[in-house]
Amino acid sequence: MTPEEEFRFFAQIIGDAQRTVLCEPHRVAEIQEAVNRLGMAGIVTVKASQACPVGKLLVIDEQALEASARQAASRPIRFRR
């Protein structure tokens, strides 16, 4: 494997590992601090969400959700008769 191929391989792994953590709006700073302390700031994004249950964190893969939405949008629409 060339150095360029190896770099692309590890860049893909890092990109695939990225996740978004949704939390209650008043907990964003607390959760972001924990992410930073664990050295995961490059992989985990913290966002506030009113939809997050009290006392819980929701971890989502936004890239997978976007890919799924694109795939669903590209499927032909079939009407039943």
N, C-alpha and C. Protein backbone atom coordinates (compact mmCIF):
# COMPACT_ATOMS: atom_id res chain seq x y z
N MET A 1 0.86 -1.17 0.00
CA MET A 1 0.00 0.00 0.00
C MET A 1 0.91 1.24 0.00
N THR A 2 0.61 2.17 -0.88
CA THR A 2 1.41 3.40 -0.93
C THR A 2 1.00 4.30 0.23
N PRO A 3 1.86 5.26 0.59
CA PRO A 3 1.48 6.19 1.67
C PRO A 3 0.17 6.93 1.36
N GLU A 4 -0.04 7.28 0.10
CA GLU A 4 -1.28 7.98 -0.27
C GLU A 4 -2.50 7.08 -0.07
N GLU A 5 -2.39 5.82 -0.46
CA GLU A 5 -3.50 4.89 -0.28
C GLU A 5 -3.76 4.65 1.21
N GLU A 6 -2.69 4.56 1.99
CA GLU A 6 -2.83 4.36 3.43
C GLU A 6 -3.51 5.56 4.08
N PHE A 7 -3.14 6.77 3.65
CA PHE A 7 -3.76 7.99 4.18
C PHE A 7 -5.25 7.99 3.85
N ARG A 8 -5.62 7.67 2.61
CA ARG A 8 -7.03 7.65 2.21
C ARG A 8 -7.81 6.60 3.00
N PHE A 9 -7.18 5.46 3.24
CA PHE A 9 -7.81 4.40 4.02
C PHE A 9 -8.15 4.89 5.43
N PHE A 10 -7.19 5.49 6.12
CA PHE A 10 -7.43 5.95 7.49
C PHE A 10 -8.36 7.17 7.53
N ALA A 11 -8.33 8.01 6.51
CA ALA A 11 -9.27 9.13 6.44
C ALA A 11 -10.70 8.60 6.32
N GLN A 12 -10.87 7.51 5.56
CA GLN A 12 -12.20 6.91 5.42
C GLN A 12 -12.68 6.33 6.74
N ILE A 13 -11.78 5.68 7.48
CA ILE A 13 -12.14 5.11 8.78
C ILE A 13 -12.59 6.20 9.74
N ILE A 14 -11.84 7.30 9.78
CA ILE A 14 -12.19 8.42 10.67
C ILE A 14 -13.54 9.00 10.26
N GLY A 15 -13.73 9.19 8.96
CA GLY A 15 -15.01 9.73 8.48
C GLY A 15 -16.18 8.83 8.82
N ASP A 16 -15.98 7.52 8.71
CA ASP A 16 -17.05 6.57 9.02
C ASP A 16 -17.36 6.53 10.51
N ALA A 17 -16.40 6.90 11.34
CA ALA A 17 -16.59 6.84 12.80
C ALA A 17 -17.30 8.08 13.34
N GLN A 18 -17.47 9.10 12.53
CA GLN A 18 -18.07 10.34 13.03
C GLN A 18 -19.52 10.12 13.47
N ARG A 19 -19.84 10.68 14.62
CA ARG A 19 -21.19 10.58 15.17
C ARG A 19 -21.62 11.93 15.71
N THR A 20 -22.93 12.10 15.85
CA THR A 20 -23.50 13.30 16.43
C THR A 20 -24.23 12.89 17.71
N VAL A 21 -23.97 13.62 18.77
CA VAL A 21 -24.65 13.38 20.05
C VAL A 21 -25.67 14.49 20.24
N LEU A 22 -26.92 14.10 20.41
CA LEU A 22 -27.98 15.06 20.69
C LEU A 22 -28.26 15.03 22.19
N CYS A 23 -28.39 16.20 22.77
CA CYS A 23 -28.66 16.29 24.21
C CYS A 23 -29.60 17.46 24.47
N GLU A 24 -30.05 17.55 25.71
CA GLU A 24 -30.90 18.66 26.10
C GLU A 24 -30.11 19.96 25.94
N PRO A 25 -30.75 21.04 25.52
CA PRO A 25 -30.03 22.30 25.28
C PRO A 25 -29.17 22.78 26.44
N HIS A 26 -29.62 22.61 27.68
CA HIS A 26 -28.84 23.11 28.81
C HIS A 26 -27.62 22.23 29.14
N ARG A 27 -27.49 21.08 28.47
CA ARG A 27 -26.36 20.17 28.74
C ARG A 27 -25.26 20.21 27.68
N VAL A 28 -25.41 21.04 26.66
CA VAL A 28 -24.44 21.06 25.56
C VAL A 28 -23.02 21.30 26.06
N ALA A 29 -22.81 22.30 26.89
CA ALA A 29 -21.46 22.62 27.37
C ALA A 29 -20.89 21.46 28.18
N GLU A 30 -21.70 20.84 29.02
CA GLU A 30 -21.27 19.70 29.84
C GLU A 30 -20.83 18.52 28.97
N ILE A 31 -21.63 18.19 27.97
CA ILE A 31 -21.33 17.06 27.10
C ILE A 31 -20.14 17.38 26.21
N GLN A 32 -20.07 18.60 25.69
CA GLN A 32 -18.93 19.00 24.86
C GLN A 32 -17.63 18.92 25.65
N GLU A 33 -17.67 19.32 26.91
CA GLU A 33 -16.48 19.25 27.77
C GLU A 33 -16.04 17.80 27.94
N ALA A 34 -16.98 16.90 28.14
CA ALA A 34 -16.65 15.47 28.28
C ALA A 34 -16.05 14.92 26.99
N VAL A 35 -16.61 15.30 25.85
CA VAL A 35 -16.10 14.86 24.55
C VAL A 35 -14.66 15.35 24.38
N ASN A 36 -14.43 16.62 24.71
CA ASN A 36 -13.08 17.19 24.59
C ASN A 36 -12.10 16.48 25.53
N ARG A 37 -12.53 16.24 26.74
CA ARG A 37 -11.68 15.60 27.74
C ARG A 37 -11.27 14.19 27.29
N LEU A 38 -12.15 13.50 26.59
CA LEU A 38 -11.86 12.16 26.10
C LEU A 38 -11.10 12.16 24.78
N GLY A 39 -10.81 13.36 24.25
CA GLY A 39 -10.07 13.47 23.00
C GLY A 39 -10.84 13.04 21.77
N MET A 40 -12.16 13.19 21.83
CA MET A 40 -13.01 12.74 20.73
C MET A 40 -13.64 13.90 19.94
N ALA A 41 -13.11 15.10 20.12
CA ALA A 41 -13.71 16.27 19.48
C ALA A 41 -13.70 16.17 17.95
N GLY A 42 -12.74 15.48 17.38
CA GLY A 42 -12.67 15.34 15.93
C GLY A 42 -13.64 14.32 15.38
N ILE A 43 -14.21 13.51 16.24
CA ILE A 43 -15.09 12.42 15.80
C ILE A 43 -16.54 12.67 16.21
N VAL A 44 -16.75 13.30 17.38
CA VAL A 44 -18.10 13.48 17.92
C VAL A 44 -18.49 14.96 17.89
N THR A 45 -19.67 15.23 17.34
CA THR A 45 -20.25 16.57 17.33
C THR A 45 -21.41 16.58 18.31
N VAL A 46 -21.48 17.61 19.13
CA VAL A 46 -22.56 17.72 20.12
C VAL A 46 -23.54 18.79 19.66
N LYS A 47 -24.83 18.44 19.66
CA LYS A 47 -25.87 19.38 19.25
C LYS A 47 -27.02 19.34 20.25
N ALA A 48 -27.64 20.48 20.45
CA ALA A 48 -28.81 20.58 21.31
C ALA A 48 -30.04 20.12 20.54
N SER A 49 -30.93 19.44 21.25
CA SER A 49 -32.18 19.01 20.62
C SER A 49 -33.30 18.99 21.65
N GLN A 50 -34.39 19.64 21.32
CA GLN A 50 -35.58 19.60 22.18
C GLN A 50 -36.20 18.21 22.18
N ALA A 51 -35.89 17.40 21.16
CA ALA A 51 -36.46 16.06 21.05
C ALA A 51 -35.77 15.04 21.94
N CYS A 52 -34.66 15.42 22.52
CA CYS A 52 -33.90 14.49 23.36
C CYS A 52 -34.62 14.27 24.69
N PRO A 53 -34.85 13.01 25.08
CA PRO A 53 -35.51 12.73 26.36
C PRO A 53 -34.68 13.27 27.54
N VAL A 54 -35.34 13.67 28.57
CA VAL A 54 -34.68 14.22 29.76
C VAL A 54 -33.69 13.20 30.33
N GLY A 55 -32.45 13.67 30.54
CA GLY A 55 -31.42 12.82 31.13
C GLY A 55 -30.80 11.81 30.19
N LYS A 56 -31.11 11.88 28.91
CA LYS A 56 -30.60 10.91 27.94
C LYS A 56 -29.76 11.61 26.87
N LEU A 57 -28.92 10.83 26.21
CA LEU A 57 -28.18 11.28 25.04
C LEU A 57 -28.58 10.41 23.87
N LEU A 58 -28.74 11.01 22.71
CA LEU A 58 -29.03 10.25 21.50
C LEU A 58 -27.80 10.34 20.60
N VAL A 59 -27.28 9.21 20.19
CA VAL A 59 -26.11 9.18 19.31
C VAL A 59 -26.59 8.73 17.94
N ILE A 60 -26.33 9.57 16.94
CA ILE A 60 -26.79 9.25 15.59
C ILE A 60 -25.64 9.35 14.60
N ASP A 61 -25.82 8.67 13.49
CA ASP A 61 -24.87 8.72 12.38
C ASP A 61 -25.53 9.55 11.29
N GLU A 62 -25.23 10.84 11.28
CA GLU A 62 -25.89 11.75 10.33
C GLU A 62 -25.58 11.39 8.88
N GLN A 63 -24.36 10.92 8.62
CA GLN A 63 -24.00 10.55 7.25
C GLN A 63 -24.87 9.39 6.76
N ALA A 64 -25.12 8.42 7.62
CA ALA A 64 -25.96 7.28 7.25
C ALA A 64 -27.41 7.73 7.04
N LEU A 65 -27.89 8.64 7.88
CA LEU A 65 -29.26 9.15 7.72
C LEU A 65 -29.41 9.90 6.39
N GLU A 66 -28.42 10.71 6.06
CA GLU A 66 -28.45 11.45 4.80
C GLU A 66 -28.40 10.51 3.61
N ALA A 67 -27.55 9.48 3.68
CA ALA A 67 -27.44 8.51 2.59
C ALA A 67 -28.75 7.75 2.41
N SER A 68 -29.38 7.39 3.53
CA SER A 68 -30.65 6.68 3.47
C SER A 68 -31.74 7.56 2.85
N ALA A 69 -31.75 8.83 3.22
CA ALA A 69 -32.74 9.76 2.65
C ALA A 69 -32.52 9.94 1.15
N ARG A 70 -31.25 10.05 0.73
CA ARG A 70 -30.95 10.19 -0.70
C ARG A 70 -31.40 8.94 -1.46
N GLN A 71 -31.14 7.76 -0.88
CA GLN A 71 -31.53 6.52 -1.53
C GLN A 71 -33.05 6.42 -1.64
N ALA A 72 -33.75 6.78 -0.58
CA ALA A 72 -35.21 6.73 -0.60
C ALA A 72 -35.78 7.71 -1.63
N ALA A 73 -35.15 8.88 -1.75
CA ALA A 73 -35.63 9.89 -2.70
C ALA A 73 -35.38 9.47 -4.14
N SER A 74 -34.40 8.62 -4.37
CA SER A 74 -34.07 8.23 -5.74
C SER A 74 -34.87 7.03 -6.23
N ARG A 75 -35.59 6.37 -5.33
CA ARG A 75 -36.40 5.22 -5.73
C ARG A 75 -37.60 5.69 -6.55
N PRO A 76 -37.96 4.94 -7.58
CA PRO A 76 -39.15 5.33 -8.35
C PRO A 76 -40.41 5.16 -7.51
N ILE A 77 -41.35 6.03 -7.74
CA ILE A 77 -42.62 5.97 -7.05
C ILE A 77 -43.54 5.05 -7.82
N ARG A 78 -44.10 4.07 -7.12
CA ARG A 78 -45.00 3.12 -7.78
C ARG A 78 -46.39 3.26 -7.16
N PHE A 79 -47.34 3.48 -8.00
CA PHE A 79 -48.71 3.60 -7.53
C PHE A 79 -49.42 2.27 -7.69
N ARG A 80 -50.20 1.90 -6.69
CA ARG A 80 -50.97 0.67 -6.77
C ARG A 80 -52.30 0.95 -7.43
N ARG A 81 -52.76 0.00 -8.18
CA ARG A 81 -54.06 0.17 -8.85
C ARG A 81 -55.11 -0.64 -8.18
